[in-house]
Amino acid sequence: MGYLFPESKFLVQAEQQAMLLGQYEVRVDEKGRCAFPKKFREVLGDELIVTQGYESSLIIVSQKEWDALLEGTRGRPFIEYETRETQRFLLGGASQIALDSKGRFVLPNYLRTFAGIENEVIFLGLSRYVEVWDKKRWTEYQKELSKNIEKISERLIKKGEKNG
């Protein structure tokens, strides 16, 4: 929400969204319960949505930010195959979660299975959303990412130049 001050002709932000960043390691108990990191709770709140993510991860967003995940499909015709598939993947795999007084929640079994989550997870803050990875999978993925990040960055820059 912003306020316009005509005499200064500047838009002043009353509230600025804090950025989610960093990573936290958390244990998952036998019931599938884990604690959501306090730093992320402070930004996203206690009412969250968790869904299937890419590369066998999970995605957690606040209910307010849910629409941001679907921005690529908004306004797209339902008859488009890619629109339907993306919505099936994100919406069909979603579950609302509420944090208890200690910031814990239960990861639904179907999402633990999807992400291969065993007993430890890594929560990654990625600006507007949080990814959840099985710790072993994240460690392996991170090794490959580290090897390829320069090539990935170069492709991204080239793509930006074409679209710019």
N, C-alpha and C. Protein backbone atom coordinates (compact mmCIF):
# COMPACT_ATOMS: atom_id res chain seq x y z
N MET A 1 0.86 -1.18 0.00
CA MET A 1 0.00 0.00 0.00
C MET A 1 0.90 1.23 0.00
N GLY A 2 0.60 2.20 -0.83
CA GLY A 2 1.42 3.39 -0.90
C GLY A 2 0.57 4.65 -0.74
N TYR A 3 1.25 5.73 -0.45
CA TYR A 3 0.59 7.03 -0.31
C TYR A 3 1.24 7.99 -1.28
N LEU A 4 0.44 8.77 -1.98
CA LEU A 4 0.96 9.74 -2.93
C LEU A 4 0.94 11.11 -2.28
N PHE A 5 2.10 11.75 -2.21
CA PHE A 5 2.20 13.10 -1.67
C PHE A 5 2.37 14.04 -2.86
N PRO A 6 1.29 14.76 -3.26
CA PRO A 6 1.34 15.58 -4.47
C PRO A 6 2.47 16.60 -4.49
N GLU A 7 2.79 17.19 -3.32
CA GLU A 7 3.83 18.21 -3.31
C GLU A 7 5.22 17.64 -3.62
N SER A 8 5.46 16.37 -3.31
CA SER A 8 6.77 15.80 -3.58
C SER A 8 6.76 14.91 -4.82
N LYS A 9 5.58 14.52 -5.25
CA LYS A 9 5.41 13.66 -6.42
C LYS A 9 6.17 12.34 -6.28
N PHE A 10 6.26 11.83 -5.06
CA PHE A 10 6.88 10.54 -4.81
C PHE A 10 5.86 9.59 -4.22
N LEU A 11 5.96 8.34 -4.63
CA LEU A 11 5.13 7.30 -4.04
C LEU A 11 5.94 6.69 -2.89
N VAL A 12 5.41 6.77 -1.68
CA VAL A 12 6.11 6.25 -0.51
C VAL A 12 5.46 4.93 -0.10
N GLN A 13 6.25 3.89 0.03
CA GLN A 13 5.74 2.59 0.43
C GLN A 13 5.49 2.58 1.93
N ALA A 14 4.25 2.31 2.33
CA ALA A 14 3.91 2.21 3.74
C ALA A 14 4.44 0.91 4.32
N GLU A 15 4.33 -0.15 3.54
CA GLU A 15 4.83 -1.45 3.98
C GLU A 15 5.66 -2.04 2.86
N GLN A 16 6.81 -2.52 3.19
CA GLN A 16 7.65 -3.16 2.20
C GLN A 16 7.78 -4.63 2.58
N GLN A 17 7.51 -5.51 1.63
CA GLN A 17 7.58 -6.96 1.86
C GLN A 17 9.02 -7.35 2.15
N ALA A 18 9.24 -8.05 3.26
CA ALA A 18 10.57 -8.55 3.57
C ALA A 18 10.90 -9.70 2.61
N MET A 19 12.17 -9.82 2.27
CA MET A 19 12.59 -10.87 1.34
C MET A 19 12.93 -12.12 2.14
N LEU A 20 12.50 -13.26 1.62
CA LEU A 20 12.83 -14.54 2.22
C LEU A 20 14.17 -14.99 1.66
N LEU A 21 15.12 -15.28 2.54
CA LEU A 21 16.41 -15.78 2.07
C LEU A 21 17.09 -16.63 3.12
N GLY A 22 18.05 -17.41 2.67
CA GLY A 22 18.79 -18.28 3.57
C GLY A 22 18.26 -19.69 3.57
N GLN A 23 18.92 -20.54 4.36
CA GLN A 23 18.46 -21.92 4.47
C GLN A 23 18.54 -22.39 5.91
N TYR A 24 17.60 -23.27 6.25
CA TYR A 24 17.48 -23.79 7.60
C TYR A 24 17.26 -25.29 7.53
N GLU A 25 17.95 -26.01 8.38
CA GLU A 25 17.82 -27.46 8.45
C GLU A 25 16.91 -27.81 9.62
N VAL A 26 15.93 -28.70 9.35
CA VAL A 26 14.93 -29.05 10.36
C VAL A 26 14.68 -30.56 10.33
N ARG A 27 14.47 -31.14 11.48
CA ARG A 27 14.13 -32.57 11.57
C ARG A 27 12.62 -32.75 11.38
N VAL A 28 12.26 -33.87 10.79
CA VAL A 28 10.86 -34.24 10.59
C VAL A 28 10.60 -35.42 11.52
N ASP A 29 9.56 -35.33 12.36
CA ASP A 29 9.30 -36.44 13.28
C ASP A 29 8.52 -37.56 12.60
N GLU A 30 8.25 -38.62 13.33
CA GLU A 30 7.60 -39.81 12.76
C GLU A 30 6.18 -39.53 12.26
N LYS A 31 5.56 -38.46 12.73
CA LYS A 31 4.22 -38.09 12.27
C LYS A 31 4.26 -37.16 11.05
N GLY A 32 5.46 -36.83 10.60
CA GLY A 32 5.60 -35.92 9.46
C GLY A 32 5.54 -34.46 9.87
N ARG A 33 5.73 -34.21 11.15
CA ARG A 33 5.64 -32.84 11.67
C ARG A 33 7.03 -32.21 11.71
N CYS A 34 7.08 -30.93 11.34
CA CYS A 34 8.35 -30.19 11.42
C CYS A 34 8.05 -28.73 11.77
N ALA A 35 9.08 -28.05 12.23
CA ALA A 35 8.94 -26.64 12.62
C ALA A 35 9.32 -25.74 11.44
N PHE A 36 8.45 -24.81 11.14
CA PHE A 36 8.72 -23.83 10.09
C PHE A 36 9.63 -22.75 10.68
N PRO A 37 10.74 -22.41 10.02
CA PRO A 37 11.69 -21.45 10.60
C PRO A 37 11.04 -20.11 10.97
N LYS A 38 11.40 -19.62 12.15
CA LYS A 38 10.81 -18.39 12.68
C LYS A 38 10.99 -17.20 11.73
N LYS A 39 12.17 -17.08 11.12
CA LYS A 39 12.42 -15.96 10.19
C LYS A 39 11.42 -15.97 9.03
N PHE A 40 11.08 -17.15 8.57
CA PHE A 40 10.11 -17.26 7.47
C PHE A 40 8.69 -17.02 7.98
N ARG A 41 8.40 -17.47 9.19
CA ARG A 41 7.07 -17.24 9.79
C ARG A 41 6.80 -15.75 9.92
N GLU A 42 7.83 -15.00 10.31
CA GLU A 42 7.67 -13.56 10.51
C GLU A 42 7.25 -12.86 9.22
N VAL A 43 7.64 -13.40 8.08
CA VAL A 43 7.30 -12.80 6.79
C VAL A 43 5.99 -13.37 6.24
N LEU A 44 5.85 -14.70 6.28
CA LEU A 44 4.70 -15.35 5.63
C LEU A 44 3.47 -15.51 6.52
N GLY A 45 3.65 -15.47 7.83
CA GLY A 45 2.53 -15.66 8.73
C GLY A 45 2.31 -17.12 9.08
N ASP A 46 1.14 -17.43 9.64
CA ASP A 46 0.85 -18.77 10.14
C ASP A 46 -0.06 -19.59 9.23
N GLU A 47 -0.68 -18.95 8.23
CA GLU A 47 -1.57 -19.66 7.33
C GLU A 47 -0.90 -19.76 5.97
N LEU A 48 -0.51 -20.99 5.66
CA LEU A 48 0.34 -21.22 4.50
C LEU A 48 -0.26 -22.24 3.55
N ILE A 49 0.29 -22.27 2.36
CA ILE A 49 -0.06 -23.30 1.38
C ILE A 49 1.23 -23.97 0.96
N VAL A 50 1.21 -25.29 0.95
CA VAL A 50 2.36 -26.07 0.50
C VAL A 50 1.91 -26.87 -0.72
N THR A 51 2.78 -26.95 -1.71
CA THR A 51 2.45 -27.69 -2.92
C THR A 51 3.70 -28.31 -3.52
N GLN A 52 3.46 -29.14 -4.52
CA GLN A 52 4.56 -29.74 -5.26
C GLN A 52 5.36 -28.64 -5.93
N GLY A 53 6.68 -28.82 -5.96
CA GLY A 53 7.53 -27.86 -6.62
C GLY A 53 8.31 -28.54 -7.73
N TYR A 54 9.24 -27.82 -8.27
CA TYR A 54 10.05 -28.34 -9.36
C TYR A 54 11.30 -29.02 -8.80
N GLU A 55 11.90 -29.90 -9.60
CA GLU A 55 13.08 -30.66 -9.19
C GLU A 55 12.84 -31.46 -7.90
N SER A 56 11.64 -31.98 -7.74
CA SER A 56 11.26 -32.80 -6.58
C SER A 56 11.35 -32.06 -5.25
N SER A 57 11.11 -30.77 -5.27
CA SER A 57 11.04 -30.00 -4.03
C SER A 57 9.57 -29.68 -3.76
N LEU A 58 9.33 -29.04 -2.63
CA LEU A 58 8.01 -28.51 -2.30
C LEU A 58 8.11 -26.99 -2.25
N ILE A 59 6.99 -26.33 -2.41
CA ILE A 59 6.94 -24.87 -2.35
C ILE A 59 5.95 -24.47 -1.26
N ILE A 60 6.35 -23.52 -0.41
CA ILE A 60 5.46 -22.98 0.61
C ILE A 60 5.33 -21.49 0.37
N VAL A 61 4.08 -21.02 0.35
CA VAL A 61 3.78 -19.60 0.22
C VAL A 61 2.69 -19.23 1.22
N SER A 62 2.58 -17.95 1.50
CA SER A 62 1.45 -17.49 2.31
C SER A 62 0.20 -17.54 1.45
N GLN A 63 -0.95 -17.56 2.08
CA GLN A 63 -2.18 -17.56 1.31
C GLN A 63 -2.29 -16.30 0.45
N LYS A 64 -1.73 -15.19 0.94
CA LYS A 64 -1.75 -13.94 0.17
C LYS A 64 -0.89 -14.02 -1.09
N GLU A 65 0.21 -14.76 -1.02
CA GLU A 65 1.14 -14.86 -2.15
C GLU A 65 0.82 -16.00 -3.10
N TRP A 66 -0.21 -16.77 -2.81
CA TRP A 66 -0.54 -17.95 -3.62
C TRP A 66 -0.70 -17.59 -5.09
N ASP A 67 -1.35 -16.48 -5.37
CA ASP A 67 -1.57 -16.08 -6.76
C ASP A 67 -0.27 -15.88 -7.53
N ALA A 68 0.80 -15.50 -6.84
CA ALA A 68 2.08 -15.28 -7.51
C ALA A 68 2.60 -16.57 -8.16
N LEU A 69 2.30 -17.71 -7.56
CA LEU A 69 2.73 -18.98 -8.14
C LEU A 69 2.02 -19.27 -9.46
N LEU A 70 0.83 -18.76 -9.58
CA LEU A 70 0.04 -19.05 -10.77
C LEU A 70 0.11 -17.95 -11.82
N GLU A 71 0.98 -16.96 -11.62
CA GLU A 71 0.99 -15.81 -12.52
C GLU A 71 1.23 -16.18 -13.98
N GLY A 72 1.94 -17.23 -14.25
CA GLY A 72 2.17 -17.63 -15.62
C GLY A 72 0.95 -18.25 -16.29
N THR A 73 -0.04 -18.65 -15.49
CA THR A 73 -1.24 -19.27 -16.06
C THR A 73 -2.46 -18.34 -16.00
N ARG A 74 -2.36 -17.24 -15.29
CA ARG A 74 -3.48 -16.31 -15.17
C ARG A 74 -3.84 -15.73 -16.53
N GLY A 75 -5.10 -15.76 -16.85
CA GLY A 75 -5.57 -15.19 -18.10
C GLY A 75 -5.28 -16.05 -19.32
N ARG A 76 -4.63 -17.17 -19.12
CA ARG A 76 -4.34 -18.07 -20.24
C ARG A 76 -5.58 -18.93 -20.48
N PRO A 77 -5.86 -19.24 -21.73
CA PRO A 77 -7.04 -20.06 -22.04
C PRO A 77 -6.93 -21.46 -21.43
N PHE A 78 -8.01 -21.90 -20.86
CA PHE A 78 -8.09 -23.23 -20.27
C PHE A 78 -7.83 -24.32 -21.30
N ILE A 79 -8.10 -24.02 -22.56
CA ILE A 79 -7.90 -25.03 -23.61
C ILE A 79 -6.42 -25.29 -23.90
N GLU A 80 -5.53 -24.44 -23.40
CA GLU A 80 -4.10 -24.67 -23.59
C GLU A 80 -3.63 -25.78 -22.66
N TYR A 81 -3.01 -26.76 -23.26
CA TYR A 81 -2.52 -27.92 -22.53
C TYR A 81 -1.57 -27.52 -21.39
N GLU A 82 -0.61 -26.63 -21.66
CA GLU A 82 0.38 -26.23 -20.67
C GLU A 82 -0.26 -25.54 -19.47
N THR A 83 -1.31 -24.76 -19.71
CA THR A 83 -2.03 -24.10 -18.62
C THR A 83 -2.67 -25.14 -17.71
N ARG A 84 -3.38 -26.08 -18.32
CA ARG A 84 -4.04 -27.13 -17.52
C ARG A 84 -3.04 -27.96 -16.74
N GLU A 85 -1.95 -28.34 -17.39
CA GLU A 85 -0.97 -29.17 -16.72
C GLU A 85 -0.30 -28.45 -15.54
N THR A 86 0.04 -27.19 -15.74
CA THR A 86 0.67 -26.42 -14.66
C THR A 86 -0.30 -26.24 -13.49
N GLN A 87 -1.56 -25.95 -13.80
CA GLN A 87 -2.54 -25.80 -12.72
C GLN A 87 -2.79 -27.13 -12.01
N ARG A 88 -2.83 -28.22 -12.75
CA ARG A 88 -2.97 -29.54 -12.10
C ARG A 88 -1.82 -29.79 -11.14
N PHE A 89 -0.62 -29.50 -11.62
CA PHE A 89 0.58 -29.75 -10.83
C PHE A 89 0.57 -28.90 -9.55
N LEU A 90 0.35 -27.59 -9.69
CA LEU A 90 0.42 -26.70 -8.53
C LEU A 90 -0.84 -26.74 -7.66
N LEU A 91 -2.01 -26.64 -8.27
CA LEU A 91 -3.25 -26.62 -7.49
C LEU A 91 -3.63 -28.01 -6.98
N GLY A 92 -3.50 -29.00 -7.85
CA GLY A 92 -3.87 -30.36 -7.46
C GLY A 92 -2.96 -30.93 -6.40
N GLY A 93 -1.73 -30.43 -6.33
CA GLY A 93 -0.79 -30.90 -5.33
C GLY A 93 -0.76 -30.07 -4.06
N ALA A 94 -1.63 -29.07 -3.96
CA ALA A 94 -1.58 -28.12 -2.85
C ALA A 94 -2.36 -28.58 -1.62
N SER A 95 -1.89 -28.09 -0.49
CA SER A 95 -2.57 -28.34 0.78
C SER A 95 -2.40 -27.12 1.67
N GLN A 96 -3.49 -26.71 2.31
CA GLN A 96 -3.39 -25.60 3.26
C GLN A 96 -2.83 -26.14 4.57
N ILE A 97 -1.94 -25.38 5.17
CA ILE A 97 -1.39 -25.77 6.46
C ILE A 97 -1.49 -24.60 7.42
N ALA A 98 -1.74 -24.91 8.67
CA ALA A 98 -1.77 -23.91 9.72
C ALA A 98 -0.71 -24.29 10.74
N LEU A 99 0.08 -23.32 11.14
CA LEU A 99 1.13 -23.57 12.11
C LEU A 99 0.55 -23.57 13.52
N ASP A 100 1.06 -24.46 14.37
CA ASP A 100 0.61 -24.46 15.76
C ASP A 100 1.37 -23.38 16.52
N SER A 101 1.16 -23.28 17.82
CA SER A 101 1.75 -22.21 18.63
C SER A 101 3.28 -22.27 18.64
N LYS A 102 3.86 -23.42 18.33
CA LYS A 102 5.31 -23.57 18.28
C LYS A 102 5.85 -23.46 16.86
N GLY A 103 4.99 -23.13 15.91
CA GLY A 103 5.41 -22.98 14.52
C GLY A 103 5.56 -24.28 13.77
N ARG A 104 4.95 -25.35 14.28
CA ARG A 104 5.06 -26.65 13.63
C ARG A 104 3.85 -26.91 12.74
N PHE A 105 4.05 -27.80 11.78
CA PHE A 105 2.97 -28.23 10.91
C PHE A 105 3.26 -29.64 10.44
N VAL A 106 2.24 -30.30 9.93
CA VAL A 106 2.39 -31.64 9.40
C VAL A 106 2.47 -31.56 7.88
N LEU A 107 3.53 -32.10 7.34
CA LEU A 107 3.65 -32.21 5.88
C LEU A 107 2.80 -33.39 5.45
N PRO A 108 1.81 -33.17 4.59
CA PRO A 108 0.98 -34.29 4.14
C PRO A 108 1.83 -35.41 3.54
N ASN A 109 1.40 -36.64 3.79
CA ASN A 109 2.15 -37.81 3.35
C ASN A 109 2.41 -37.80 1.83
N TYR A 110 1.40 -37.43 1.02
CA TYR A 110 1.60 -37.45 -0.42
C TYR A 110 2.68 -36.46 -0.86
N LEU A 111 2.84 -35.35 -0.13
CA LEU A 111 3.90 -34.40 -0.47
C LEU A 111 5.26 -34.88 0.02
N ARG A 112 5.30 -35.54 1.17
CA ARG A 112 6.57 -36.13 1.63
C ARG A 112 7.04 -37.18 0.63
N THR A 113 6.10 -37.99 0.14
CA THR A 113 6.45 -39.00 -0.86
C THR A 113 6.95 -38.35 -2.14
N PHE A 114 6.24 -37.35 -2.63
CA PHE A 114 6.62 -36.64 -3.85
C PHE A 114 8.05 -36.12 -3.76
N ALA A 115 8.39 -35.50 -2.62
CA ALA A 115 9.70 -34.87 -2.45
C ALA A 115 10.76 -35.82 -1.90
N GLY A 116 10.38 -37.07 -1.62
CA GLY A 116 11.33 -38.04 -1.09
C GLY A 116 11.84 -37.67 0.30
N ILE A 117 10.99 -37.00 1.08
CA ILE A 117 11.41 -36.52 2.39
C ILE A 117 11.42 -37.67 3.40
N GLU A 118 12.57 -37.77 4.05
CA GLU A 118 12.73 -38.81 5.07
C GLU A 118 12.67 -38.17 6.45
N ASN A 119 13.82 -37.83 7.03
CA ASN A 119 13.77 -37.31 8.40
C ASN A 119 14.42 -35.94 8.59
N GLU A 120 15.00 -35.38 7.54
CA GLU A 120 15.56 -34.04 7.64
C GLU A 120 15.23 -33.27 6.37
N VAL A 121 14.86 -32.01 6.55
CA VAL A 121 14.55 -31.15 5.41
C VAL A 121 15.38 -29.88 5.48
N ILE A 122 15.52 -29.27 4.32
CA ILE A 122 16.14 -27.96 4.20
C ILE A 122 15.07 -27.01 3.70
N PHE A 123 14.87 -25.90 4.42
CA PHE A 123 13.97 -24.83 3.99
C PHE A 123 14.85 -23.76 3.34
N LEU A 124 14.54 -23.40 2.10
CA LEU A 124 15.28 -22.37 1.37
C LEU A 124 14.39 -21.15 1.15
N GLY A 125 14.82 -19.99 1.60
CA GLY A 125 14.09 -18.76 1.33
C GLY A 125 14.47 -18.23 -0.03
N LEU A 126 13.48 -18.09 -0.92
CA LEU A 126 13.73 -17.66 -2.29
C LEU A 126 12.87 -16.45 -2.64
N SER A 127 13.14 -15.36 -1.98
CA SER A 127 12.49 -14.07 -2.21
C SER A 127 11.03 -14.06 -1.75
N ARG A 128 10.10 -14.61 -2.55
CA ARG A 128 8.68 -14.56 -2.22
C ARG A 128 8.12 -15.88 -1.73
N TYR A 129 8.92 -16.96 -1.84
CA TYR A 129 8.43 -18.26 -1.43
C TYR A 129 9.55 -19.07 -0.80
N VAL A 130 9.17 -20.20 -0.21
CA VAL A 130 10.13 -21.09 0.45
C VAL A 130 10.08 -22.44 -0.25
N GLU A 131 11.25 -22.98 -0.57
CA GLU A 131 11.32 -24.35 -1.07
C GLU A 131 11.68 -25.27 0.08
N VAL A 132 11.16 -26.50 0.00
CA VAL A 132 11.47 -27.53 1.00
C VAL A 132 12.08 -28.71 0.25
N TRP A 133 13.23 -29.15 0.72
CA TRP A 133 13.96 -30.25 0.10
C TRP A 133 14.29 -31.30 1.15
N ASP A 134 14.27 -32.55 0.76
CA ASP A 134 14.87 -33.59 1.58
C ASP A 134 16.35 -33.23 1.66
N LYS A 135 16.95 -33.33 2.84
CA LYS A 135 18.34 -32.90 3.02
C LYS A 135 19.30 -33.62 2.08
N LYS A 136 19.16 -34.93 1.94
CA LYS A 136 20.07 -35.68 1.06
C LYS A 136 19.92 -35.23 -0.39
N ARG A 137 18.67 -35.05 -0.83
CA ARG A 137 18.44 -34.60 -2.22
C ARG A 137 19.01 -33.21 -2.44
N TRP A 138 18.84 -32.32 -1.46
CA TRP A 138 19.35 -30.96 -1.59
C TRP A 138 20.88 -30.97 -1.70
N THR A 139 21.53 -31.78 -0.89
CA THR A 139 22.99 -31.86 -0.93
C THR A 139 23.47 -32.30 -2.31
N GLU A 140 22.83 -33.31 -2.87
CA GLU A 140 23.20 -33.78 -4.21
C GLU A 140 22.89 -32.73 -5.28
N TYR A 141 21.71 -32.14 -5.19
CA TYR A 141 21.33 -31.12 -6.17
C TYR A 141 22.28 -29.92 -6.11
N GLN A 142 22.63 -29.52 -4.91
CA GLN A 142 23.50 -28.36 -4.73
C GLN A 142 24.89 -28.60 -5.34
N LYS A 143 25.39 -29.82 -5.26
CA LYS A 143 26.68 -30.15 -5.87
C LYS A 143 26.61 -29.92 -7.38
N GLU A 144 25.55 -30.41 -8.01
CA GLU A 144 25.39 -30.24 -9.46
C GLU A 144 25.17 -28.77 -9.82
N LEU A 145 24.38 -28.09 -9.02
CA LEU A 145 24.12 -26.67 -9.27
C LEU A 145 25.42 -25.87 -9.21
N SER A 146 26.24 -26.16 -8.22
CA SER A 146 27.52 -25.46 -8.08
C SER A 146 28.41 -25.66 -9.29
N LYS A 147 28.39 -26.85 -9.87
CA LYS A 147 29.20 -27.14 -11.05
C LYS A 147 28.71 -26.37 -12.27
N ASN A 148 27.41 -26.15 -12.36
CA ASN A 148 26.80 -25.60 -13.59
C ASN A 148 26.33 -24.17 -13.50
N ILE A 149 26.49 -23.50 -12.36
CA ILE A 149 25.87 -22.18 -12.17
C ILE A 149 26.39 -21.14 -13.17
N GLU A 150 27.66 -21.21 -13.54
CA GLU A 150 28.18 -20.23 -14.50
C GLU A 150 27.50 -20.37 -15.85
N LYS A 151 27.35 -21.59 -16.34
CA LYS A 151 26.69 -21.83 -17.62
C LYS A 151 25.22 -21.41 -17.56
N ILE A 152 24.57 -21.71 -16.45
CA ILE A 152 23.17 -21.35 -16.27
C ILE A 152 23.02 -19.83 -16.30
N SER A 153 23.90 -19.13 -15.60
CA SER A 153 23.85 -17.67 -15.56
C SER A 153 24.07 -17.06 -16.94
N GLU A 154 25.02 -17.62 -17.69
CA GLU A 154 25.28 -17.13 -19.05
C GLU A 154 24.06 -17.30 -19.94
N ARG A 155 23.38 -18.46 -19.85
CA ARG A 155 22.17 -18.70 -20.65
C ARG A 155 21.07 -17.71 -20.26
N LEU A 156 20.98 -17.43 -18.99
CA LEU A 156 19.95 -16.49 -18.52
C LEU A 156 20.23 -15.08 -19.05
N ILE A 157 21.48 -14.68 -19.06
CA ILE A 157 21.84 -13.37 -19.59
C ILE A 157 21.53 -13.30 -21.08
N LYS A 158 21.87 -14.33 -21.84
CA LYS A 158 21.58 -14.37 -23.28
C LYS A 158 20.08 -14.30 -23.53
N LYS A 159 19.32 -15.02 -22.72
CA LYS A 159 17.87 -15.00 -22.86
C LYS A 159 17.32 -13.60 -22.60
N GLY A 160 17.88 -12.91 -21.59
CA GLY A 160 17.47 -11.54 -21.28
C GLY A 160 17.80 -10.57 -22.40
N GLU A 161 18.93 -10.79 -23.03
CA GLU A 161 19.34 -9.92 -24.15
C GLU A 161 18.41 -10.10 -25.34
N LYS A 162 17.96 -11.33 -25.60
CA LYS A 162 17.03 -11.59 -26.70
C LYS A 162 15.68 -10.94 -26.45
N ASN A 163 15.23 -10.98 -25.19
CA ASN A 163 13.92 -10.44 -24.83
C ASN A 163 13.97 -8.95 -24.57
N GLY A 164 15.15 -8.38 -24.40
CA GLY A 164 15.31 -6.97 -24.03
C GLY A 164 15.22 -6.08 -25.16
